Amino acid sequence: MLEANTFRSMMMIGGVMTVAVIIACFFTVPMVEVDERAKSHYEIIMDADLGDADHLTGYQAVMFTVQGKIRGGTNHY
């Protein structure tokens, strides 16, 4: 019985660590490539300077999409 509980505990710890690594990569690893045009749009909409970076993290890409859709939905008369 002890071996089964130990195995389950180790599997749970391994699963939690795997999920933590995936979440950390979403916030830190550059994934989405941006060109100069998209970079200038990102800097205007997000009011942030990317410097010489040519990739965005997953979090930055999602936030850029959300902010862009919110600000792009303005109707001009």
Protein backbone atom coordinates (compact mmCIF):
# COMPACT_ATOMS: atom_id res chain seq x y z
CA MET A 1 0.00 0.00 0.00
CA LEU A 2 2.84 2.39 0.78
CA GLU A 3 4.38 1.90 -2.65
CA ALA A 4 1.13 2.76 -4.45
CA ASN A 5 0.63 5.94 -2.44
CA THR A 6 4.25 6.97 -2.97
CA PHE A 7 3.91 6.39 -6.73
CA ARG A 8 0.72 8.46 -6.86
CA SER A 9 2.36 11.26 -4.89
CA MET A 10 5.38 11.30 -7.18
CA MET A 11 3.15 11.32 -10.26
CA MET A 12 1.17 14.24 -8.83
CA ILE A 13 4.35 16.18 -8.05
CA GLY A 14 5.66 15.46 -11.55
CA GLY A 15 2.39 16.65 -13.08
CA VAL A 16 2.39 19.85 -11.07
CA MET A 17 5.99 20.54 -12.05
CA THR A 18 5.19 19.93 -15.73
CA VAL A 19 2.25 22.34 -15.64
CA ALA A 20 4.41 24.92 -13.84
CA VAL A 21 7.09 24.69 -16.54
CA ILE A 22 4.50 25.09 -19.31
CA ILE A 23 3.00 28.16 -17.61
CA ALA A 24 6.45 29.66 -17.01
CA CYS A 25 7.35 29.17 -20.68
CA PHE A 26 4.13 30.95 -21.72
CA PHE A 27 5.27 34.05 -19.82
CA THR A 28 9.03 33.99 -20.53
CA VAL A 29 9.93 32.19 -23.79
CA PRO A 30 9.73 34.28 -26.99
CA MET A 31 7.39 32.43 -29.36
CA VAL A 32 5.73 34.79 -31.84
CA GLU A 33 7.88 36.47 -34.48
CA VAL A 34 7.03 40.09 -35.28
CA ASP A 35 8.11 42.22 -38.21
CA GLU A 36 8.79 45.96 -38.10
CA ARG A 37 5.18 46.91 -38.90
CA ALA A 38 3.71 44.67 -36.20
CA LYS A 39 6.39 45.87 -33.80
CA SER A 40 5.41 49.51 -34.32
CA HIS A 41 1.73 48.64 -33.86
CA TYR A 42 2.55 46.76 -30.66
CA GLU A 43 4.52 49.70 -29.26
CA ILE A 44 1.70 52.14 -30.05
CA ILE A 45 -1.16 50.03 -28.70
CA MET A 46 0.59 48.60 -25.64
CA ASP A 47 2.55 51.79 -24.88
CA ALA A 48 5.72 49.73 -24.41
CA ASP A 49 9.14 49.72 -26.03
CA LEU A 50 10.30 46.38 -27.43
CA GLY A 51 13.80 47.65 -28.18
CA ASP A 52 15.50 45.35 -30.65
CA ALA A 53 13.38 42.29 -29.80
CA ASP A 54 11.87 40.50 -32.78
CA HIS A 55 9.74 37.98 -30.87
CA LEU A 56 6.89 38.22 -28.37
CA THR A 57 6.09 35.84 -25.54
CA GLY A 58 2.76 34.05 -25.58
CA TYR A 59 1.42 36.35 -22.89
CA GLN A 60 2.45 39.49 -24.80
CA ALA A 61 0.83 38.15 -27.97
CA VAL A 62 -2.45 37.37 -26.20
CA MET A 63 -2.56 40.76 -24.47
CA PHE A 64 -1.76 42.52 -27.76
CA THR A 65 -4.63 40.68 -29.45
CA VAL A 66 -7.08 41.58 -26.68
CA GLN A 67 -6.04 45.25 -26.55
CA GLY A 68 -5.98 45.53 -30.34
CA LYS A 69 -9.50 44.16 -30.70
CA ILE A 70 -10.82 46.47 -27.97
CA ARG A 71 -9.21 49.57 -29.48
CA GLY A 72 -9.88 48.51 -33.07
CA GLY A 73 -13.63 48.30 -32.49
CA THR A 74 -14.05 52.08 -32.21
CA ASN A 75 -16.43 53.48 -34.81
CA HIS A 76 -15.50 56.79 -36.40
CA TYR A 77 -18.25 58.94 -37.83
